[in-house]
Protein backbone atom coordinates (compact mmCIF):
# COMPACT_ATOMS: atom_id res chain seq x y z
CA MET A 1 24.21 -59.19 1.56
CA ALA A 2 23.45 -58.31 -2.08
CA SER A 3 19.72 -58.72 -1.52
CA VAL A 4 19.84 -56.29 1.42
CA LEU A 5 21.67 -53.71 -0.71
CA ASN A 6 19.18 -54.20 -3.56
CA SER A 7 16.30 -53.70 -1.09
CA ILE A 8 17.90 -50.48 0.18
CA ILE A 9 18.37 -49.25 -3.39
CA ASP A 10 14.72 -50.05 -4.17
CA ILE A 11 13.57 -48.17 -1.06
CA GLU A 12 15.71 -45.15 -1.98
CA ASN A 13 14.36 -45.20 -5.56
CA ASP A 14 10.78 -45.36 -4.26
CA ALA A 15 11.48 -42.50 -1.85
CA ALA A 16 13.00 -40.43 -4.67
CA GLU A 17 9.92 -41.04 -6.87
CA GLN A 18 7.56 -40.08 -4.03
CA PHE A 19 9.61 -36.98 -3.28
CA SER A 20 9.53 -35.96 -6.94
CA SER A 21 5.77 -36.49 -7.09
CA LEU A 22 5.23 -34.47 -3.90
CA GLU A 23 7.52 -31.69 -5.16
CA THR A 24 5.49 -31.45 -8.39
CA SER A 25 2.24 -31.39 -6.40
CA TYR A 26 3.63 -28.72 -4.06
CA SER A 27 4.75 -26.52 -6.98
CA SER A 28 1.32 -26.80 -8.58
CA THR A 29 -0.47 -25.99 -5.30
CA GLN A 30 1.86 -23.07 -4.63
CA LYS A 31 1.19 -21.68 -8.11
CA GLU A 32 -2.59 -21.92 -7.53
CA TYR A 33 -2.21 -20.26 -4.13
CA LEU A 34 -0.14 -17.38 -5.54
CA GLN A 35 -2.68 -16.82 -8.34
CA ALA A 36 -5.59 -16.73 -5.87
CA ARG A 37 -3.65 -14.47 -3.51
CA ASP A 38 -2.66 -12.11 -6.31
CA LYS A 39 -6.33 -11.82 -7.33
CA LEU A 40 -7.27 -10.83 -3.76
CA PHE A 41 -4.34 -8.40 -3.51
CA LYS A 42 -5.35 -6.79 -6.81
CA ARG A 43 -8.90 -6.30 -5.53
CA ARG A 44 -7.57 -4.85 -2.27
CA GLN A 45 -5.43 -2.38 -4.24
CA GLU A 46 -8.47 -1.30 -6.29
CA LEU A 47 -10.43 -0.61 -3.09
CA VAL A 48 -7.56 1.05 -1.21
CA SER A 49 -6.71 3.35 -4.12
CA GLY A 50 -10.35 4.33 -4.70
CA LYS A 51 -10.41 2.91 -8.23
CA ALA A 52 -13.33 0.70 -7.17
CA THR A 53 -16.02 0.64 -4.54
CA PRO A 54 -16.94 -2.39 -2.45
CA THR A 55 -19.68 -4.66 -3.74
CA THR A 56 -22.76 -5.51 -1.70
CA ASP A 57 -21.28 -8.96 -1.02
CA GLU A 58 -18.01 -7.42 0.21
CA LEU A 59 -19.97 -5.20 2.60
CA ALA A 60 -22.15 -8.03 3.91
CA GLY A 61 -22.07 -7.96 7.72
CA PHE A 62 -20.44 -4.52 7.86
CA GLU A 63 -22.25 -1.82 9.79
CA ALA A 64 -21.16 1.78 9.32
CA PRO A 65 -20.61 3.72 12.54
CA SER A 66 -23.79 5.48 13.66
CA ASP A 67 -21.91 8.62 14.67
CA ASP A 68 -20.32 10.96 12.16
CA SER A 69 -16.84 10.41 13.63
CA HIS A 70 -15.26 10.13 10.18
CA GLY A 71 -17.18 13.11 8.82
CA ALA A 72 -17.25 14.48 5.32
CA ALA A 73 -13.44 14.46 5.04
CA ALA A 74 -13.35 10.65 5.01
CA SER A 75 -16.04 10.36 2.36
CA ALA A 76 -14.60 13.16 0.20
CA LYS A 77 -11.49 11.17 -0.74
CA ALA A 78 -11.98 7.87 -2.51
CA GLY A 79 -10.08 4.89 -1.21
CA VAL A 80 -8.33 4.54 2.13
CA PRO A 81 -6.02 7.46 2.93
CA TYR A 82 -2.62 6.45 4.37
CA PHE A 83 -3.46 2.75 4.06
CA TRP A 84 0.08 1.66 3.18
CA LEU A 85 1.69 3.94 5.76
CA ASN A 86 -0.49 2.36 8.46
CA ALA A 87 -0.13 -1.19 7.14
CA ILE A 88 3.67 -0.95 7.00
CA CYS A 89 3.99 0.78 10.37
CA ASN A 90 1.71 -1.80 12.02
CA GLN A 91 3.74 -4.76 10.76
CA ASP A 92 5.89 -5.73 13.75
CA THR A 93 9.09 -6.56 11.87
CA LEU A 94 8.99 -3.45 9.67
CA ALA A 95 7.78 -1.05 12.37
CA GLU A 96 11.04 -1.40 14.28
CA GLU A 97 12.98 -0.13 11.27
CA ILE A 98 10.79 2.86 10.34
CA SER A 99 11.72 6.29 11.67
CA SER A 100 9.42 9.30 11.95
CA ARG A 101 11.24 10.74 8.93
CA ASP A 102 10.51 7.56 6.95
CA ARG A 103 6.84 7.91 7.85
CA GLN A 104 6.76 11.30 6.14
CA ALA A 105 7.71 9.70 2.81
CA LEU A 106 5.59 6.57 3.39
CA ALA A 107 2.53 8.83 3.60
CA TYR A 108 2.86 9.07 -0.21
CA CYS A 109 3.00 5.28 -0.74
CA THR A 110 0.21 4.12 -3.07
CA SER A 111 1.14 0.45 -3.45
CA PHE A 112 3.29 -2.10 -1.65
CA LYS A 113 3.75 -5.60 -2.99
CA ALA A 114 6.10 -8.54 -3.12
CA VAL A 115 6.87 -9.81 -6.61
CA HIS A 116 7.96 -13.43 -6.60
CA ALA A 117 10.69 -14.53 -9.00
CA ALA A 118 9.56 -17.12 -11.54
CA ALA A 119 12.49 -19.47 -11.00
CA GLY A 120 12.11 -19.59 -7.22
CA GLY A 121 14.65 -16.83 -6.68
CA PRO A 122 14.37 -14.21 -3.96
CA PRO A 123 11.29 -11.96 -4.05
CA THR A 124 11.35 -8.26 -4.87
CA VAL A 125 9.54 -5.74 -2.71
CA GLU A 126 8.03 -2.99 -4.85
CA MET A 127 6.63 0.28 -3.53
CA SER A 128 4.86 2.89 -5.67
CA PHE A 129 4.56 6.52 -4.65
CA SER A 130 2.51 9.52 -5.65
CA SER A 131 4.29 12.80 -6.30
CA ASN A 132 6.10 13.82 -3.12
CA PRO A 133 8.64 16.37 -1.86
CA PHE A 134 11.31 13.74 -1.12
CA PHE A 135 12.25 11.89 -4.32
CA SER A 136 11.29 11.78 -7.98
CA ASN A 137 11.10 7.98 -8.33
CA ASN A 138 7.57 6.66 -8.89
CA THR A 139 8.57 3.14 -7.87
CA LEU A 140 11.22 1.85 -5.48
CA ARG A 141 12.29 -1.81 -5.63
CA ARG A 142 14.42 -4.00 -3.43
CA CYS A 143 15.31 -7.49 -4.54
CA LEU A 144 15.89 -9.34 -1.29
CA GLY A 145 19.13 -11.23 -1.00
CA ASP A 146 19.20 -14.98 -0.68
CA ALA A 147 21.72 -16.43 1.76
CA GLU A 148 21.49 -19.93 0.26
CA SER A 149 22.32 -18.88 -3.30
CA GLY A 150 24.56 -16.00 -2.27
CA ALA A 151 22.42 -13.49 -4.22
CA LYS A 152 22.93 -9.96 -2.95
CA ALA A 153 20.14 -7.49 -2.27
CA VAL A 154 19.61 -5.03 -5.14
CA THR A 155 17.89 -1.72 -4.47
CA THR A 156 16.61 1.12 -6.66
CA ASP A 157 18.82 4.20 -6.55
CA ILE A 158 16.66 6.88 -4.97
CA GLN A 159 16.61 10.16 -6.90
CA TRP A 160 16.38 12.63 -4.01
CA LYS A 161 14.88 15.97 -4.98
CA ASP A 162 17.36 17.88 -2.81
CA SER A 163 19.61 17.32 0.18
CA SER A 164 17.11 18.77 2.65
CA HIS A 165 14.62 16.01 1.73
CA ASN A 166 17.16 13.17 1.61
CA LEU A 167 15.94 10.83 4.34
CA SER A 168 19.17 8.84 4.36
CA VAL A 169 21.11 11.83 5.70
CA LYS A 170 20.89 13.14 9.24
CA VAL A 171 21.73 16.79 9.60
CA HIS A 172 23.73 17.74 12.69
CA THR A 173 24.93 21.16 13.63
CA SER A 174 28.48 19.90 13.10
CA GLY A 175 27.74 18.72 9.54
CA LEU A 176 26.18 15.84 7.61
CA MET A 177 26.15 12.23 8.72
CA TYR A 178 24.81 9.37 6.58
CA VAL A 179 22.53 6.84 8.26
């Protein structure tokens, strides 16, 4: 009986060592992935914002439309106008939550990114905005809650410019109602 228990203990120790080794390998691979992804996201932001133009390699295989459907207006502004508005509104999960009033403010969004916590905590969504008629914040952040750890979501307090531009309030003829 003792030899069977010792064998089980040895198997569990081996499994724990393998798990530890795999966990270390996973963490290293995840770190490499996040660094590579962040590099691509940074380049995308440079192109979208108009701070950079695509290289010949990046344009390889791309053919511009032969008609002038985009006209001079598209080429007059550097970058991709309304990129983040369209990207956010075309993401299935987010699109369901975005109202037409939200879209008005999202038209001023210049950057949207997830910042991952160093210690494996919940990520923070960070949105940057150009000057707009709705709020004076340049950046809005929301640290997503984590059900496992019990961490609560933390959100930037929005500094609304005035009550008529406060998108969290619906105005009814009978008075104000918060949404």
